[in-house]
C-alpha atoms as a PDB file:
ATOM      1  CA  MET A   1       2.390  28.200  31.103  1.00  0.00           C
ATOM      2  CA  CYS A   2       0.290  25.182  30.679  1.00  0.00           C
ATOM      3  CA  ILE A   3       0.947  22.201  32.742  1.00  0.00           C
ATOM      4  CA  ARG A   4      -0.211  18.907  30.809  1.00  0.00           C
ATOM      5  CA  ALA A   5      -0.267  15.764  33.060  1.00  0.00           C
ATOM      6  CA  GLY A   6      -2.595  13.422  30.829  1.00  0.00           C
ATOM      7  CA  ASN A   7      -4.430  12.947  27.659  1.00  0.00           C
ATOM      8  CA  SER A   8      -7.327  15.080  28.697  1.00  0.00           C
ATOM      9  CA  GLU A   9      -8.153  17.800  30.932  1.00  0.00           C
ATOM     10  CA  LEU A  10     -10.143  15.663  33.532  1.00  0.00           C
ATOM     11  CA  GLU A  11      -6.997  13.231  33.217  1.00  0.00           C
ATOM     12  CA  SER A  12      -4.540  15.806  34.052  1.00  0.00           C
ATOM     13  CA  VAL A  13      -6.365  16.952  36.868  1.00  0.00           C
ATOM     14  CA  LYS A  14      -6.878  13.729  38.348  1.00  0.00           C
ATOM     15  CA  ASN A  15      -2.865  13.063  38.164  1.00  0.00           C
ATOM     16  CA  LEU A  16      -2.301  16.308  39.694  1.00  0.00           C
ATOM     17  CA  MET A  17      -4.653  15.674  42.542  1.00  0.00           C
ATOM     18  CA  GLY A  18      -3.312  12.351  42.878  1.00  0.00           C
ATOM     19  CA  MET A  19       0.130  13.494  43.564  1.00  0.00           C
ATOM     20  CA  SER A  20      -1.301  15.889  46.244  1.00  0.00           C
ATOM     21  CA  LEU A  21      -3.258  12.967  47.808  1.00  0.00           C
ATOM     22  CA  MET A  22      -0.057  10.813  47.799  1.00  0.00           C
ATOM     23  CA  ALA A  23       1.461  13.430  49.678  1.00  0.00           C
ATOM     24  CA  VAL A  24      -1.595  13.540  52.194  1.00  0.00           C
ATOM     25  CA  VAL A  25      -1.621   9.760  52.435  1.00  0.00           C
ATOM     26  CA  SER A  26       1.988   9.938  53.065  1.00  0.00           C
ATOM     27  CA  GLN A  27       1.911  12.365  55.695  1.00  0.00           C
ATOM     28  CA  ALA A  28      -1.049  10.831  57.793  1.00  0.00           C
ATOM     29  CA  LEU A  29       0.175   7.388  57.510  1.00  0.00           C
ATOM     30  CA  GLU A  30       3.832   8.068  58.285  1.00  0.00           C
ATOM     31  CA  THR A  31       4.936   6.379  55.035  1.00  0.00           C
ATOM     32  CA  GLU A  32       7.538   6.971  52.427  1.00  0.00           C
ATOM     33  CA  ILE A  33       5.669   8.668  49.460  1.00  0.00           C
ATOM     34  CA  ASP A  34       7.674   6.428  46.987  1.00  0.00           C
ATOM     35  CA  SER A  35       5.878   3.308  48.651  1.00  0.00           C
ATOM     36  CA  ILE A  36       2.698   4.184  48.264  1.00  0.00           C
ATOM     37  CA  SER A  37       1.028   2.869  44.876  1.00  0.00           C
ATOM     38  CA  GLU A  38      -2.498   3.429  44.065  1.00  0.00           C
ATOM     39  CA  GLU A  39      -2.825  -0.556  44.456  1.00  0.00           C
ATOM     40  CA  ALA A  40      -2.037  -0.396  48.053  1.00  0.00           C
ATOM     41  CA  ARG A  41      -4.891  -1.129  50.292  1.00  0.00           C
ATOM     42  CA  LEU A  42      -4.943   1.539  53.122  1.00  0.00           C
ATOM     43  CA  VAL A  43      -5.726  -0.705  56.166  1.00  0.00           C
ATOM     44  CA  GLU A  44      -3.742  -4.070  54.953  1.00  0.00           C
ATOM     45  CA  ASP A  45      -0.816  -2.579  53.130  1.00  0.00           C
ATOM     46  CA  LEU A  46      -0.449   0.678  54.717  1.00  0.00           C
ATOM     47  CA  HIS A  47      -1.557  -0.280  57.811  1.00  0.00           C
ATOM     48  CA  MET A  48      -4.004   2.605  58.650  1.00  0.00           C
ATOM     49  CA  ASP A  49      -5.546   2.345  62.049  1.00  0.00           C
ATOM     50  CA  ARG A  50      -8.209   4.507  63.707  1.00  0.00           C
ATOM     51  CA  ALA A  51      -5.780   7.481  64.524  1.00  0.00           C
ATOM     52  CA  ALA A  52      -4.320   7.498  61.041  1.00  0.00           C
ATOM     53  CA  GLU A  53      -7.858   7.486  59.592  1.00  0.00           C
ATOM     54  CA  ALA A  54      -8.698  10.399  61.611  1.00  0.00           C
ATOM     55  CA  GLN A  55      -5.332  12.225  60.723  1.00  0.00           C
ATOM     56  CA  LEU A  56      -6.155  11.225  56.790  1.00  0.00           C
ATOM     57  CA  SER A  57      -9.518  12.214  56.833  1.00  0.00           C
ATOM     58  CA  ALA A  58      -8.467  15.882  58.541  1.00  0.00           C
ATOM     59  CA  LEU A  59      -5.814  16.170  56.141  1.00  0.00           C
ATOM     60  CA  ILE A  60      -8.341  15.479  52.820  1.00  0.00           C
ATOM     61  CA  GLU A  61     -10.550  18.163  54.586  1.00  0.00           C
ATOM     62  CA  GLU A  62      -7.590  20.688  54.753  1.00  0.00           C
ATOM     63  CA  VAL A  63      -6.000  20.383  51.443  1.00  0.00           C
ATOM     64  CA  PHE A  64      -9.414  19.636  49.257  1.00  0.00           C
ATOM     65  CA  ASP A  65     -11.330  22.614  50.586  1.00  0.00           C
ATOM     66  CA  GLY A  66     -13.453  20.924  52.988  1.00  0.00           C
ATOM     67  CA  LEU A  67     -14.048  17.495  51.346  1.00  0.00           C
ATOM     68  CA  GLN A  68     -15.274  14.813  53.437  1.00  0.00           C
ATOM     69  CA  VAL A  69     -14.540  11.122  52.180  1.00  0.00           C
ATOM     70  CA  ASP A  70     -15.960   7.887  53.516  1.00  0.00           C
ATOM     71  CA  LEU A  71     -12.552   5.896  54.427  1.00  0.00           C
ATOM     72  CA  HIS A  72     -14.668   2.937  55.799  1.00  0.00           C
ATOM     73  CA  ASN A  73     -15.973   2.041  52.270  1.00  0.00           C
ATOM     74  CA  THR A  74     -12.500   3.000  50.518  1.00  0.00           C
ATOM     75  CA  PRO A  75     -10.204   0.108  50.543  1.00  0.00           C
ATOM     76  CA  THR A  76      -7.142   1.489  48.278  1.00  0.00           C
ATOM     77  CA  VAL A  77      -5.674   4.159  47.317  1.00  0.00           C
ATOM     78  CA  ALA A  78      -7.153   4.279  43.999  1.00  0.00           C
ATOM     79  CA  ALA A  79     -10.912   4.187  45.274  1.00  0.00           C
ATOM     80  CA  LEU A  80      -9.679   7.253  47.467  1.00  0.00           C
ATOM     81  CA  LEU A  81      -8.325   9.147  44.678  1.00  0.00           C
ATOM     82  CA  ASP A  82     -11.565   8.394  42.509  1.00  0.00           C
ATOM     83  CA  GLN A  83     -13.776   9.430  45.486  1.00  0.00           C
ATOM     84  CA  VAL A  84     -11.648  12.695  46.033  1.00  0.00           C
ATOM     85  CA  VAL A  85     -11.600  13.593  42.377  1.00  0.00           C
ATOM     86  CA  MET A  86     -15.428  12.606  41.424  1.00  0.00           C
ATOM     87  CA  ARG A  87     -16.450  14.542  44.671  1.00  0.00           C
ATOM     88  CA  GLU A  88     -14.320  17.741  43.722  1.00  0.00           C
ATOM     89  CA  PHE A  89     -16.212  17.541  40.085  1.00  0.00           C
ATOM     90  CA  GLN A  90     -19.275  16.845  41.445  1.00  0.00           C
ATOM     91  CA  GLY A  91     -22.093  18.416  39.444  1.00  0.00           C
ATOM     92  CA  LEU A  92     -19.751  19.760  36.476  1.00  0.00           C
ATOM     93  CA  PRO A  93     -20.264  18.465  33.131  1.00  0.00           C
ATOM     94  CA  LEU A  94     -17.212  16.254  32.315  1.00  0.00           C
END
């Protein structure tokens, strides 16, 4: 069985990773997953404080095999998704 969630392999993987990331953001920021959009700003819209930032960072590291992200320079959920996807595929031919 093959799941296709985009027009290319990278787009499909990005979309599937996005679903996982939305669940992680929802859990860390104690927000309903349906209320999170890619345009949402982590601090201003989703009210991420230092404790939630630490929780989000830890969950990303746990779910995405030790991946560490720079949340200080990541204003939106979309920017976070780009950072996660690009770091996961760093060094691979795309």
